[in-house]
């Protein structure tokens, strides 16, 4: 199955470079190109790409706004944010807006195509350093947890809550299995179940949810 990718960047030469890398892969194809977020949203409605490769800073509708609009579509579009900017607020806003992955533009071509495949497969793509920064931002108060009640939490079993707490600590499935004394396959099963019950797409959104409903607390490790 070919993964169709919409490339969004305000610089034509950058779009062309990404498009060349994508079209050079047998399982990937460029579904279209857009110069700003507004154009990306319109193109996505007609071309229905599997993944949108999204720049952040563009004139008109920026990438963060476009990411939110794309992920609110029915069905939602998966967005891989690609930027030169390392500022935390861009990362966190993109993740809160529903982005499935975050890469810097200085990544090599293989990292890019691997990231597109990962996001297209329904997984989150976050470098470990970004996951740590996300958790540290809650712990230090750089991101203030909203601590709002959410009835979806009541749908989780006790073990699913345990797994979610460990995810919010930044642990991998293997580490969670060791911490809780259960098998890795069982952790994966619980993870899939809690994501479904909470209507979340991936680990990054699960971390944000855990802090925002008070299941995890800043400073917990």
N, C-alpha and C. Protein backbone atom coordinates (compact mmCIF):
# COMPACT_ATOMS: atom_id res chain seq x y z
N UNK A 1 0.84 -1.20 0.00
CA UNK A 1 0.00 0.00 0.00
C UNK A 1 0.88 1.25 0.00
N UNK A 2 0.58 2.19 -0.88
CA UNK A 2 1.36 3.42 -0.97
C UNK A 2 0.84 4.46 0.01
N UNK A 3 1.77 5.06 0.77
CA UNK A 3 1.44 6.12 1.71
C UNK A 3 1.48 7.45 0.96
N UNK A 4 0.37 8.17 0.98
CA UNK A 4 0.28 9.42 0.25
C UNK A 4 0.56 10.58 1.21
N UNK A 5 1.49 11.46 0.81
CA UNK A 5 1.98 12.51 1.71
C UNK A 5 1.72 13.89 1.09
N UNK A 6 1.14 14.77 1.88
CA UNK A 6 0.97 16.17 1.50
C UNK A 6 2.11 16.97 2.12
N UNK A 7 2.89 17.67 1.30
CA UNK A 7 4.06 18.42 1.76
C UNK A 7 3.68 19.89 1.90
N UNK A 8 3.89 20.46 3.09
CA UNK A 8 3.49 21.84 3.37
C UNK A 8 4.69 22.64 3.87
N UNK A 9 5.10 23.64 3.10
CA UNK A 9 6.20 24.52 3.48
C UNK A 9 6.10 25.77 2.62
N UNK A 10 6.43 26.92 3.19
CA UNK A 10 6.29 28.16 2.41
C UNK A 10 7.44 28.38 1.44
N UNK A 11 8.49 27.57 1.50
CA UNK A 11 9.62 27.70 0.58
C UNK A 11 9.55 26.63 -0.49
N UNK A 12 9.44 27.06 -1.75
CA UNK A 12 9.28 26.13 -2.86
C UNK A 12 10.44 25.15 -2.96
N UNK A 13 11.67 25.62 -2.72
CA UNK A 13 12.82 24.75 -2.84
C UNK A 13 12.81 23.67 -1.77
N UNK A 14 12.31 24.01 -0.58
CA UNK A 14 12.21 23.02 0.50
C UNK A 14 11.16 21.98 0.15
N UNK A 15 10.00 22.44 -0.34
CA UNK A 15 8.96 21.50 -0.75
C UNK A 15 9.48 20.54 -1.82
N UNK A 16 10.21 21.08 -2.77
CA UNK A 16 10.73 20.24 -3.85
C UNK A 16 11.71 19.20 -3.32
N UNK A 17 12.53 19.61 -2.36
CA UNK A 17 13.49 18.67 -1.78
C UNK A 17 12.81 17.53 -1.05
N UNK A 18 11.80 17.87 -0.23
CA UNK A 18 11.06 16.83 0.49
C UNK A 18 10.33 15.92 -0.50
N UNK A 19 9.72 16.53 -1.52
CA UNK A 19 8.98 15.75 -2.51
C UNK A 19 9.89 14.76 -3.23
N UNK A 20 11.11 15.20 -3.54
CA UNK A 20 12.04 14.31 -4.23
C UNK A 20 12.41 13.11 -3.37
N UNK A 21 12.62 13.36 -2.08
CA UNK A 21 12.94 12.26 -1.16
C UNK A 21 11.76 11.29 -1.06
N UNK A 22 10.56 11.83 -0.91
CA UNK A 22 9.37 11.00 -0.75
C UNK A 22 9.10 10.18 -2.01
N UNK A 23 9.14 10.82 -3.17
CA UNK A 23 8.86 10.11 -4.42
C UNK A 23 9.96 9.12 -4.79
N UNK A 24 11.09 9.21 -4.13
CA UNK A 24 12.17 8.25 -4.38
C UNK A 24 11.97 6.93 -3.66
N UNK A 25 10.94 6.85 -2.81
CA UNK A 25 10.66 5.63 -2.07
C UNK A 25 9.52 4.86 -2.73
N UNK A 26 9.65 3.55 -2.88
CA UNK A 26 8.62 2.77 -3.60
C UNK A 26 7.27 2.73 -2.93
N UNK A 27 7.24 2.93 -1.60
CA UNK A 27 5.98 2.82 -0.87
C UNK A 27 5.40 4.18 -0.47
N UNK A 28 6.04 5.27 -0.94
CA UNK A 28 5.57 6.63 -0.61
C UNK A 28 5.30 7.40 -1.89
N UNK A 29 4.36 8.34 -1.82
CA UNK A 29 4.05 9.19 -2.98
C UNK A 29 3.57 10.55 -2.50
N UNK A 30 3.93 11.60 -3.24
CA UNK A 30 3.49 12.95 -2.90
C UNK A 30 2.05 13.13 -3.39
N UNK A 31 1.15 13.44 -2.47
CA UNK A 31 -0.26 13.65 -2.82
C UNK A 31 -0.54 15.09 -3.21
N UNK A 32 0.41 15.99 -2.91
CA UNK A 32 0.22 17.40 -3.23
C UNK A 32 1.20 18.24 -2.45
N UNK A 33 1.27 19.53 -2.79
CA UNK A 33 2.14 20.47 -2.10
C UNK A 33 1.35 21.73 -1.79
N UNK A 34 1.64 22.33 -0.63
CA UNK A 34 0.95 23.55 -0.23
C UNK A 34 1.96 24.52 0.36
N UNK A 35 1.72 25.83 0.17
CA UNK A 35 2.65 26.86 0.62
C UNK A 35 2.26 27.46 1.96
N UNK A 36 1.06 27.14 2.47
CA UNK A 36 0.67 27.64 3.79
C UNK A 36 -0.39 26.71 4.38
N UNK A 37 -0.72 26.97 5.65
CA UNK A 37 -1.64 26.08 6.34
C UNK A 37 -3.05 26.07 5.77
N UNK A 38 -3.52 27.22 5.33
CA UNK A 38 -4.86 27.28 4.77
C UNK A 38 -4.98 26.45 3.50
N UNK A 39 -3.97 26.57 2.64
CA UNK A 39 -3.96 25.78 1.41
C UNK A 39 -3.86 24.30 1.74
N UNK A 40 -3.10 23.96 2.78
CA UNK A 40 -2.95 22.56 3.18
C UNK A 40 -4.28 21.96 3.59
N UNK A 41 -5.06 22.70 4.37
CA UNK A 41 -6.36 22.20 4.83
C UNK A 41 -7.29 21.96 3.65
N UNK A 42 -7.30 22.90 2.70
CA UNK A 42 -8.17 22.74 1.53
C UNK A 42 -7.73 21.55 0.68
N UNK A 43 -6.43 21.41 0.47
CA UNK A 43 -5.93 20.29 -0.32
C UNK A 43 -6.21 18.95 0.36
N UNK A 44 -6.09 18.94 1.69
CA UNK A 44 -6.32 17.70 2.43
C UNK A 44 -7.77 17.24 2.29
N UNK A 45 -8.70 18.19 2.18
CA UNK A 45 -10.11 17.83 2.03
C UNK A 45 -10.37 17.11 0.70
N UNK A 46 -9.60 17.46 -0.32
CA UNK A 46 -9.84 16.87 -1.63
C UNK A 46 -8.92 15.68 -1.93
N UNK A 47 -7.69 15.74 -1.45
CA UNK A 47 -6.72 14.68 -1.79
C UNK A 47 -6.65 13.58 -0.76
N UNK A 48 -7.15 13.83 0.48
CA UNK A 48 -7.17 12.85 1.56
C UNK A 48 -5.82 12.14 1.71
N UNK A 49 -4.77 12.87 2.05
CA UNK A 49 -3.46 12.24 2.24
C UNK A 49 -3.44 11.37 3.50
N UNK A 50 -2.52 10.43 3.55
CA UNK A 50 -2.35 9.60 4.75
C UNK A 50 -1.57 10.36 5.81
N UNK A 51 -0.63 11.18 5.37
CA UNK A 51 0.22 11.96 6.29
C UNK A 51 0.43 13.34 5.69
N UNK A 52 0.38 14.35 6.55
CA UNK A 52 0.74 15.72 6.14
C UNK A 52 2.08 16.06 6.79
N UNK A 53 3.05 16.42 5.97
CA UNK A 53 4.35 16.88 6.45
C UNK A 53 4.27 18.39 6.58
N UNK A 54 4.26 18.88 7.81
CA UNK A 54 3.85 20.26 8.10
C UNK A 54 4.96 21.13 8.66
N UNK A 55 5.24 22.23 7.97
CA UNK A 55 6.11 23.26 8.52
C UNK A 55 5.32 24.04 9.58
N UNK A 56 6.00 24.72 10.50
CA UNK A 56 5.30 25.46 11.54
C UNK A 56 5.12 26.93 11.16
N UNK A 57 6.21 27.61 10.90
CA UNK A 57 6.12 29.06 10.68
C UNK A 57 5.95 29.37 9.20
N UNK A 58 4.74 29.82 8.84
CA UNK A 58 4.41 30.17 7.47
C UNK A 58 3.51 31.39 7.49
N UNK A 59 3.52 32.20 6.44
CA UNK A 59 2.60 33.34 6.36
C UNK A 59 1.16 32.84 6.25
N UNK A 60 0.22 33.68 6.64
CA UNK A 60 -1.18 33.26 6.60
C UNK A 60 -1.47 32.31 7.73
N UNK A 61 -2.12 31.20 7.44
CA UNK A 61 -2.42 30.20 8.46
C UNK A 61 -1.15 29.41 8.77
N UNK A 62 -0.70 29.47 10.03
CA UNK A 62 0.55 28.79 10.37
C UNK A 62 0.32 27.29 10.55
N UNK A 63 1.44 26.56 10.72
CA UNK A 63 1.36 25.11 10.80
C UNK A 63 0.67 24.60 12.05
N UNK A 64 0.77 25.33 13.15
CA UNK A 64 0.12 24.89 14.38
C UNK A 64 -1.41 24.95 14.24
N UNK A 65 -1.90 26.04 13.68
CA UNK A 65 -3.34 26.16 13.46
C UNK A 65 -3.82 25.12 12.46
N UNK A 66 -3.07 24.94 11.39
CA UNK A 66 -3.44 23.96 10.37
C UNK A 66 -3.43 22.55 10.95
N UNK A 67 -2.49 22.25 11.81
CA UNK A 67 -2.44 20.93 12.45
C UNK A 67 -3.72 20.65 13.22
N UNK A 68 -4.15 21.63 14.00
CA UNK A 68 -5.39 21.45 14.77
C UNK A 68 -6.58 21.23 13.84
N UNK A 69 -6.68 21.99 12.78
CA UNK A 69 -7.80 21.86 11.85
C UNK A 69 -7.78 20.51 11.15
N UNK A 70 -6.61 20.04 10.77
CA UNK A 70 -6.49 18.76 10.08
C UNK A 70 -6.85 17.59 10.99
N UNK A 71 -6.42 17.66 12.24
CA UNK A 71 -6.70 16.56 13.16
C UNK A 71 -8.13 16.58 13.67
N UNK A 72 -8.85 17.68 13.42
CA UNK A 72 -10.27 17.75 13.78
C UNK A 72 -11.18 17.29 12.64
N UNK A 73 -10.58 16.99 11.48
CA UNK A 73 -11.38 16.51 10.36
C UNK A 73 -11.97 15.13 10.67
N UNK A 74 -12.96 14.72 9.91
CA UNK A 74 -13.55 13.41 10.07
C UNK A 74 -13.43 12.65 8.75
N UNK A 75 -12.54 11.66 8.65
CA UNK A 75 -11.62 11.19 9.69
C UNK A 75 -10.44 12.16 9.82
N UNK A 76 -9.77 12.14 10.99
CA UNK A 76 -8.65 13.05 11.20
C UNK A 76 -7.47 12.69 10.31
N UNK A 77 -6.69 13.70 9.98
CA UNK A 77 -5.49 13.52 9.16
C UNK A 77 -4.28 13.48 10.08
N UNK A 78 -3.38 12.56 9.83
CA UNK A 78 -2.17 12.46 10.65
C UNK A 78 -1.15 13.50 10.20
N UNK A 79 -0.57 14.20 11.16
CA UNK A 79 0.35 15.30 10.86
C UNK A 79 1.72 15.01 11.47
N UNK A 80 2.75 15.13 10.63
CA UNK A 80 4.14 15.04 11.08
C UNK A 80 4.73 16.43 10.95
N UNK A 81 5.03 17.06 12.07
CA UNK A 81 5.55 18.42 12.10
C UNK A 81 7.05 18.41 11.87
N UNK A 82 7.48 19.23 10.93
CA UNK A 82 8.89 19.30 10.57
C UNK A 82 9.31 20.77 10.60
N UNK A 83 10.30 21.12 11.41
CA UNK A 83 10.65 22.52 11.59
C UNK A 83 12.12 22.70 11.93
N UNK A 84 12.61 23.91 11.74
CA UNK A 84 13.96 24.25 12.17
C UNK A 84 13.97 24.73 13.61
N UNK A 85 12.79 24.92 14.19
CA UNK A 85 12.69 25.54 15.50
C UNK A 85 12.65 24.50 16.61
N UNK A 86 13.47 24.74 17.65
CA UNK A 86 13.56 23.82 18.77
C UNK A 86 12.82 24.35 20.00
N UNK A 87 12.12 25.47 19.85
CA UNK A 87 11.47 26.07 21.01
C UNK A 87 10.37 25.17 21.53
N UNK A 88 10.38 24.94 22.84
CA UNK A 88 9.46 23.98 23.45
C UNK A 88 7.99 24.28 23.18
N UNK A 89 7.62 25.56 23.18
CA UNK A 89 6.20 25.86 23.03
C UNK A 89 5.66 25.40 21.68
N UNK A 90 6.51 25.39 20.66
CA UNK A 90 6.07 24.89 19.36
C UNK A 90 5.79 23.39 19.43
N UNK A 91 6.70 22.66 20.08
CA UNK A 91 6.52 21.22 20.23
C UNK A 91 5.24 20.93 20.98
N UNK A 92 5.06 21.59 22.12
CA UNK A 92 3.92 21.27 22.98
C UNK A 92 2.59 21.68 22.34
N UNK A 93 2.60 22.84 21.67
CA UNK A 93 1.37 23.28 21.01
C UNK A 93 1.01 22.33 19.88
N UNK A 94 2.01 21.87 19.13
CA UNK A 94 1.76 20.93 18.05
C UNK A 94 1.19 19.62 18.59
N UNK A 95 1.75 19.14 19.69
CA UNK A 95 1.26 17.89 20.27
C UNK A 95 -0.14 18.04 20.83
N UNK A 96 -0.38 19.15 21.51
CA UNK A 96 -1.73 19.39 22.03
C UNK A 96 -2.72 19.55 20.89
N UNK A 97 -2.24 20.05 19.76
CA UNK A 97 -3.12 20.21 18.61
C UNK A 97 -3.38 18.93 17.85
N UNK A 98 -2.73 17.83 18.26
CA UNK A 98 -3.01 16.54 17.65
C UNK A 98 -1.94 15.99 16.75
N UNK A 99 -0.77 16.66 16.66
CA UNK A 99 0.30 16.15 15.80
C UNK A 99 0.74 14.77 16.26
N UNK A 100 1.06 13.91 15.30
CA UNK A 100 1.49 12.54 15.62
C UNK A 100 2.99 12.40 15.68
N UNK A 101 3.72 13.40 15.23
CA UNK A 101 5.16 13.30 15.26
C UNK A 101 5.81 14.66 15.13
N UNK A 102 7.09 14.72 15.47
CA UNK A 102 7.81 15.99 15.45
C UNK A 102 9.25 15.71 15.08
N UNK A 103 9.70 16.30 13.99
CA UNK A 103 11.09 16.15 13.54
C UNK A 103 11.68 17.52 13.23
N UNK A 104 12.99 17.62 13.38
CA UNK A 104 13.69 18.84 12.98
C UNK A 104 14.11 18.71 11.51
N UNK A 105 14.18 19.84 10.83
CA UNK A 105 14.49 19.82 9.39
C UNK A 105 15.91 19.35 9.09
N UNK A 106 16.77 19.30 10.10
CA UNK A 106 18.13 18.84 9.84
C UNK A 106 18.27 17.32 9.96
N UNK A 107 17.13 16.62 10.05
CA UNK A 107 17.18 15.16 10.06
C UNK A 107 17.64 14.67 8.68
N UNK A 108 18.18 13.46 8.64
CA UNK A 108 18.62 12.96 7.33
C UNK A 108 17.43 12.34 6.59
N UNK A 109 17.55 12.13 5.26
CA UNK A 109 16.43 11.63 4.47
C UNK A 109 15.85 10.31 4.98
N UNK A 110 16.71 9.41 5.48
CA UNK A 110 16.20 8.13 5.97
C UNK A 110 15.34 8.32 7.21
N UNK A 111 15.75 9.23 8.10
CA UNK A 111 14.93 9.54 9.27
C UNK A 111 13.56 10.06 8.84
N UNK A 112 13.55 10.89 7.81
CA UNK A 112 12.29 11.47 7.33
C UNK A 112 11.34 10.40 6.82
N UNK A 113 11.82 9.53 5.94
CA UNK A 113 10.93 8.53 5.36
C UNK A 113 10.50 7.51 6.42
N UNK A 114 11.41 7.18 7.34
CA UNK A 114 11.03 6.27 8.43
C UNK A 114 9.94 6.90 9.30
N UNK A 115 10.07 8.21 9.54
CA UNK A 115 9.08 8.92 10.35
C UNK A 115 7.71 8.92 9.67
N UNK A 116 7.70 9.15 8.37
CA UNK A 116 6.44 9.14 7.62
C UNK A 116 5.78 7.78 7.72
N UNK A 117 6.55 6.71 7.57
CA UNK A 117 6.01 5.36 7.66
C UNK A 117 5.47 5.08 9.06
N UNK A 118 6.18 5.54 10.08
CA UNK A 118 5.74 5.32 11.46
C UNK A 118 4.41 6.00 11.74
N UNK A 119 4.32 7.26 11.34
CA UNK A 119 3.08 8.02 11.56
C UNK A 119 1.93 7.44 10.75
N UNK A 120 2.20 7.04 9.51
CA UNK A 120 1.17 6.45 8.67
C UNK A 120 0.63 5.15 9.26
N UNK A 121 1.48 4.43 10.00
CA UNK A 121 1.08 3.17 10.62
C UNK A 121 0.27 3.38 11.90
N UNK A 122 0.08 4.65 12.29
CA UNK A 122 -0.73 4.93 13.46
C UNK A 122 0.04 5.08 14.76
N UNK A 123 1.36 5.16 14.66
CA UNK A 123 2.19 5.31 15.85
C UNK A 123 2.59 6.77 16.03
N UNK A 124 2.94 7.11 17.26
CA UNK A 124 3.49 8.44 17.53
C UNK A 124 4.99 8.41 17.27
N UNK A 125 5.52 9.51 16.79
CA UNK A 125 6.95 9.59 16.58
C UNK A 125 7.49 10.77 17.37
N UNK A 126 8.10 10.44 18.50
CA UNK A 126 8.71 11.46 19.34
C UNK A 126 10.09 10.97 19.76
N UNK A 127 11.09 11.75 19.48
CA UNK A 127 12.42 11.38 19.96
C UNK A 127 12.38 11.34 21.48
N UNK A 128 13.16 10.42 22.10
CA UNK A 128 13.16 10.34 23.57
C UNK A 128 13.41 11.69 24.24
N UNK A 129 14.27 12.52 23.63
CA UNK A 129 14.57 13.82 24.24
C UNK A 129 13.33 14.72 24.26
N UNK A 130 12.47 14.60 23.25
CA UNK A 130 11.26 15.41 23.22
C UNK A 130 10.27 14.91 24.26
N UNK A 131 10.16 13.58 24.43
CA UNK A 131 9.31 13.02 25.48
C UNK A 131 9.77 13.51 26.85
N UNK A 132 11.08 13.47 27.08
CA UNK A 132 11.61 13.94 28.37
C UNK A 132 11.32 15.42 28.57
N UNK A 133 11.47 16.21 27.51
CA UNK A 133 11.21 17.64 27.63
C UNK A 133 9.74 17.90 27.92
N UNK A 134 8.88 17.10 27.32
CA UNK A 134 7.45 17.24 27.56
C UNK A 134 7.13 17.01 29.03
N UNK A 135 7.67 15.92 29.59
CA UNK A 135 7.43 15.60 31.00
C UNK A 135 8.07 16.64 31.91
N UNK A 136 9.31 17.04 31.58
CA UNK A 136 10.00 18.05 32.38
C UNK A 136 9.24 19.37 32.38
N UNK A 137 8.61 19.70 31.27
CA UNK A 137 7.86 20.95 31.18
C UNK A 137 6.69 20.96 32.15
N UNK A 138 6.02 19.83 32.31
CA UNK A 138 4.96 19.75 33.32
C UNK A 138 5.56 19.81 34.72
N UNK A 139 6.69 19.11 34.91
CA UNK A 139 7.30 19.04 36.23
C UNK A 139 7.79 20.40 36.71
N UNK A 140 8.32 21.21 35.79
CA UNK A 140 8.88 22.51 36.18
C UNK A 140 7.85 23.64 36.13
N UNK A 141 6.68 23.34 35.60
CA UNK A 141 5.65 24.37 35.50
C UNK A 141 5.70 25.16 34.21
N UNK A 142 6.62 24.79 33.29
CA UNK A 142 6.67 25.47 31.99
C UNK A 142 5.36 25.28 31.25
N UNK A 143 4.74 24.11 31.44
CA UNK A 143 3.38 23.88 30.98
C UNK A 143 2.53 23.66 32.22
N UNK A 144 1.50 24.46 32.39
CA UNK A 144 0.64 24.32 33.56
C UNK A 144 -0.43 23.28 33.28
N UNK A 145 -0.49 22.19 34.08
CA UNK A 145 -1.57 21.22 33.90
C UNK A 145 -2.92 21.89 34.08
N UNK A 146 -3.87 21.55 33.27
CA UNK A 146 -5.19 22.16 33.37
C UNK A 146 -6.02 21.55 34.48
N UNK A 147 -5.64 20.32 34.90
CA UNK A 147 -6.28 19.64 36.03
C UNK A 147 -7.80 19.71 35.95
N UNK A 148 -8.33 19.43 34.78
CA UNK A 148 -9.76 19.46 34.61
C UNK A 148 -10.33 18.05 34.72
N UNK A 149 -11.49 17.88 35.31
CA UNK A 149 -12.08 16.54 35.40
C UNK A 149 -12.44 16.03 34.01
N UNK A 150 -12.33 14.72 33.85
CA UNK A 150 -12.66 14.13 32.56
C UNK A 150 -13.30 12.76 32.82
N UNK A 151 -14.55 12.63 32.44
CA UNK A 151 -15.29 11.41 32.71
C UNK A 151 -14.73 10.19 32.03
N UNK A 152 -13.92 10.38 30.98
CA UNK A 152 -13.34 9.23 30.28
C UNK A 152 -12.45 8.41 31.19
N UNK A 153 -11.86 9.07 32.19
CA UNK A 153 -10.96 8.36 33.11
C UNK A 153 -11.68 7.24 33.84
N UNK A 154 -12.98 7.41 34.08
CA UNK A 154 -13.76 6.40 34.80
C UNK A 154 -13.87 5.10 34.03
N UNK A 155 -13.65 5.15 32.72
CA UNK A 155 -13.77 3.94 31.90
C UNK A 155 -12.56 3.03 32.02
N UNK A 156 -11.47 3.52 32.59
CA UNK A 156 -10.26 2.73 32.69
C UNK A 156 -10.31 1.77 33.87
N UNK A 157 -9.74 0.58 33.68
CA UNK A 157 -9.57 -0.35 34.78
C UNK A 157 -8.42 0.13 35.66
N UNK A 158 -8.27 -0.46 36.83
CA UNK A 158 -7.17 -0.09 37.72
C UNK A 158 -5.83 -0.31 37.08
N UNK A 159 -5.67 -1.42 36.36
CA UNK A 159 -4.39 -1.72 35.73
C UNK A 159 -4.11 -0.76 34.58
N UNK A 160 -5.15 -0.39 33.84
CA UNK A 160 -4.96 0.58 32.76
C UNK A 160 -4.52 1.92 33.32
N UNK A 161 -5.06 2.30 34.47
CA UNK A 161 -4.60 3.55 35.11
C UNK A 161 -3.14 3.44 35.51
N UNK A 162 -2.76 2.27 36.04
CA UNK A 162 -1.36 2.06 36.42
C UNK A 162 -0.44 2.24 35.21
N UNK A 163 -0.83 1.65 34.11
CA UNK A 163 -0.03 1.76 32.90
C UNK A 163 0.06 3.21 32.44
N UNK A 164 -1.06 3.93 32.50
CA UNK A 164 -1.07 5.33 32.08
C UNK A 164 -0.15 6.18 32.96
N UNK A 165 -0.15 5.91 34.27
CA UNK A 165 0.75 6.64 35.17
C UNK A 165 2.20 6.41 34.79
N UNK A 166 2.53 5.16 34.45
CA UNK A 166 3.91 4.84 34.08
C UNK A 166 4.28 5.48 32.74
N UNK A 167 3.34 5.52 31.83
CA UNK A 167 3.57 6.21 30.55
C UNK A 167 3.89 7.67 30.81
N UNK A 168 3.15 8.28 31.74
CA UNK A 168 3.35 9.70 32.06
C UNK A 168 4.71 9.95 32.72
N UNK A 169 5.33 8.90 33.24
CA UNK A 169 6.69 9.02 33.78
C UNK A 169 7.75 8.90 32.68
N UNK A 170 7.30 8.59 31.46
CA UNK A 170 8.22 8.48 30.34
C UNK A 170 8.80 7.10 30.14
N UNK A 171 8.20 6.09 30.77
CA UNK A 171 8.73 4.73 30.65
C UNK A 171 8.29 4.07 29.35
N UNK A 172 9.15 3.21 28.82
CA UNK A 172 8.82 2.41 27.64
C UNK A 172 7.96 1.23 28.07
N UNK A 173 7.41 0.50 27.10
CA UNK A 173 6.61 -0.68 27.44
C UNK A 173 7.42 -1.71 28.21
N UNK A 174 8.68 -1.88 27.83
CA UNK A 174 9.55 -2.84 28.52
C UNK A 174 9.76 -2.41 29.97
N UNK A 175 9.99 -1.11 30.18
CA UNK A 175 10.20 -0.60 31.54
C UNK A 175 8.93 -0.69 32.37
N UNK A 176 7.78 -0.44 31.74
CA UNK A 176 6.50 -0.55 32.44
C UNK A 176 6.26 -1.98 32.86
N UNK A 177 6.56 -2.92 31.97
CA UNK A 177 6.38 -4.34 32.29
C UNK A 177 7.20 -4.72 33.52
N UNK A 178 8.45 -4.25 33.58
CA UNK A 178 9.30 -4.56 34.73
C UNK A 178 8.78 -3.89 35.99
N UNK A 179 8.31 -2.65 35.86
CA UNK A 179 7.83 -1.90 37.02
C UNK A 179 6.57 -2.52 37.61
N UNK A 180 5.66 -2.98 36.75
CA UNK A 180 4.38 -3.51 37.22
C UNK A 180 4.38 -5.02 37.38
N UNK A 181 5.44 -5.68 36.96
CA UNK A 181 5.53 -7.13 37.09
C UNK A 181 4.58 -7.88 36.16
N UNK A 182 4.40 -7.35 34.96
CA UNK A 182 3.54 -7.99 33.96
C UNK A 182 4.31 -8.13 32.65
N UNK A 183 3.77 -8.88 31.71
CA UNK A 183 4.44 -9.09 30.44
C UNK A 183 4.37 -7.87 29.53
N UNK A 184 5.34 -7.78 28.63
CA UNK A 184 5.36 -6.65 27.70
C UNK A 184 4.13 -6.67 26.79
N UNK A 185 3.70 -7.87 26.39
CA UNK A 185 2.51 -7.97 25.54
C UNK A 185 1.27 -7.49 26.29
N UNK A 186 1.24 -7.75 27.60
CA UNK A 186 0.11 -7.29 28.42
C UNK A 186 0.10 -5.77 28.52
N UNK A 187 1.28 -5.18 28.66
CA UNK A 187 1.38 -3.71 28.69
C UNK A 187 0.85 -3.14 27.38
N UNK A 188 1.27 -3.73 26.27
CA UNK A 188 0.82 -3.25 24.96
C UNK A 188 -0.69 -3.36 24.83
N UNK A 189 -1.26 -4.45 25.34
CA UNK A 189 -2.71 -4.65 25.30
C UNK A 189 -3.43 -3.58 26.12
N UNK A 190 -2.92 -3.32 27.32
CA UNK A 190 -3.51 -2.28 28.17
C UNK A 190 -3.38 -0.91 27.51
N UNK A 191 -2.23 -0.67 26.89
CA UNK A 191 -2.00 0.61 26.24
C UNK A 191 -2.99 0.83 25.11
N UNK A 192 -3.18 -0.18 24.29
CA UNK A 192 -4.14 -0.07 23.19
C UNK A 192 -5.55 0.17 23.71
N UNK A 193 -5.90 -0.53 24.81
CA UNK A 193 -7.24 -0.39 25.38
C UNK A 193 -7.47 1.00 25.93
N UNK A 194 -6.49 1.55 26.66
CA UNK A 194 -6.69 2.86 27.27
C UNK A 194 -6.72 3.97 26.22
N UNK A 195 -5.93 3.82 25.15
CA UNK A 195 -5.98 4.81 24.08
C UNK A 195 -7.35 4.82 23.42
N UNK A 196 -7.90 3.63 23.22
CA UNK A 196 -9.24 3.53 22.62
C UNK A 196 -10.29 4.14 23.53
N UNK A 197 -10.26 3.79 24.81
CA UNK A 197 -11.26 4.30 25.75
C UNK A 197 -11.19 5.81 25.93
N UNK A 198 -9.98 6.35 25.86
CA UNK A 198 -9.79 7.79 26.07
C UNK A 198 -9.87 8.59 24.77
N UNK A 199 -10.05 7.89 23.65
CA UNK A 199 -10.10 8.54 22.33
C UNK A 199 -8.81 9.32 22.07
N UNK A 200 -7.69 8.71 22.42
CA UNK A 200 -6.38 9.30 22.18
C UNK A 200 -5.67 8.48 21.10
N UNK A 201 -4.78 9.13 20.35
CA UNK A 201 -4.16 8.45 19.25
C UNK A 201 -2.82 7.82 19.59
N UNK A 202 -2.11 8.39 20.57
CA UNK A 202 -0.76 7.91 20.77
C UNK A 202 -0.25 8.26 22.16
N UNK A 203 1.00 7.89 22.40
CA UNK A 203 1.65 8.03 23.70
C UNK A 203 1.77 9.49 24.13
N UNK A 204 2.11 10.34 23.18
CA UNK A 204 2.28 11.76 23.51
C UNK A 204 0.99 12.35 24.05
N UNK A 205 -0.13 12.06 23.39
CA UNK A 205 -1.41 12.56 23.88
C UNK A 205 -1.78 11.93 25.21
N UNK A 206 -1.36 10.68 25.43
CA UNK A 206 -1.63 10.01 26.70
C UNK A 206 -0.90 10.71 27.85
N UNK A 207 0.35 11.12 27.61
CA UNK A 207 1.12 11.83 28.63
C UNK A 207 0.43 13.15 28.99
N UNK A 208 0.04 13.90 27.97
CA UNK A 208 -0.63 15.17 28.21
C UNK A 208 -1.93 14.96 28.97
N UNK A 209 -2.71 13.96 28.56
CA UNK A 209 -3.98 13.67 29.23
C UNK A 209 -3.76 13.35 30.72
N UNK A 210 -2.77 12.50 31.00
CA UNK A 210 -2.52 12.08 32.39
C UNK A 210 -2.24 13.26 33.29
N UNK A 211 -1.47 14.23 32.80
CA UNK A 211 -1.17 15.41 33.60
C UNK A 211 -2.37 16.33 33.71
N UNK A 212 -3.09 16.47 32.62
CA UNK A 212 -4.18 17.45 32.62
C UNK A 212 -5.38 17.02 33.45
N UNK A 213 -5.55 15.71 33.67
CA UNK A 213 -6.66 15.26 34.51
C UNK A 213 -6.20 14.97 35.93
N UNK A 214 -4.91 15.16 36.21
CA UNK A 214 -4.41 14.98 37.56
C UNK A 214 -4.02 13.57 37.91
N UNK A 215 -4.00 12.64 36.93
CA UNK A 215 -3.59 11.27 37.21
C UNK A 215 -2.09 11.22 37.50
N UNK A 216 -1.35 12.06 36.83
CA UNK A 216 0.08 12.22 37.09
C UNK A 216 0.30 13.63 37.63
N UNK A 217 1.27 13.77 38.50
CA UNK A 217 1.55 15.08 39.11
C UNK A 217 2.94 15.55 38.75
N UNK A 218 3.12 16.85 38.53
CA UNK A 218 4.44 17.40 38.25
C UNK A 218 5.41 17.01 39.37
N UNK A 219 6.60 16.55 38.96
CA UNK A 219 7.61 16.17 39.94
C UNK A 219 7.64 14.68 40.22
N UNK A 220 6.57 13.95 39.85
CA UNK A 220 6.56 12.51 40.04
C UNK A 220 7.53 11.85 39.06
N UNK A 221 8.31 10.92 39.55
CA UNK A 221 9.23 10.17 38.68
C UNK A 221 9.24 8.73 39.12
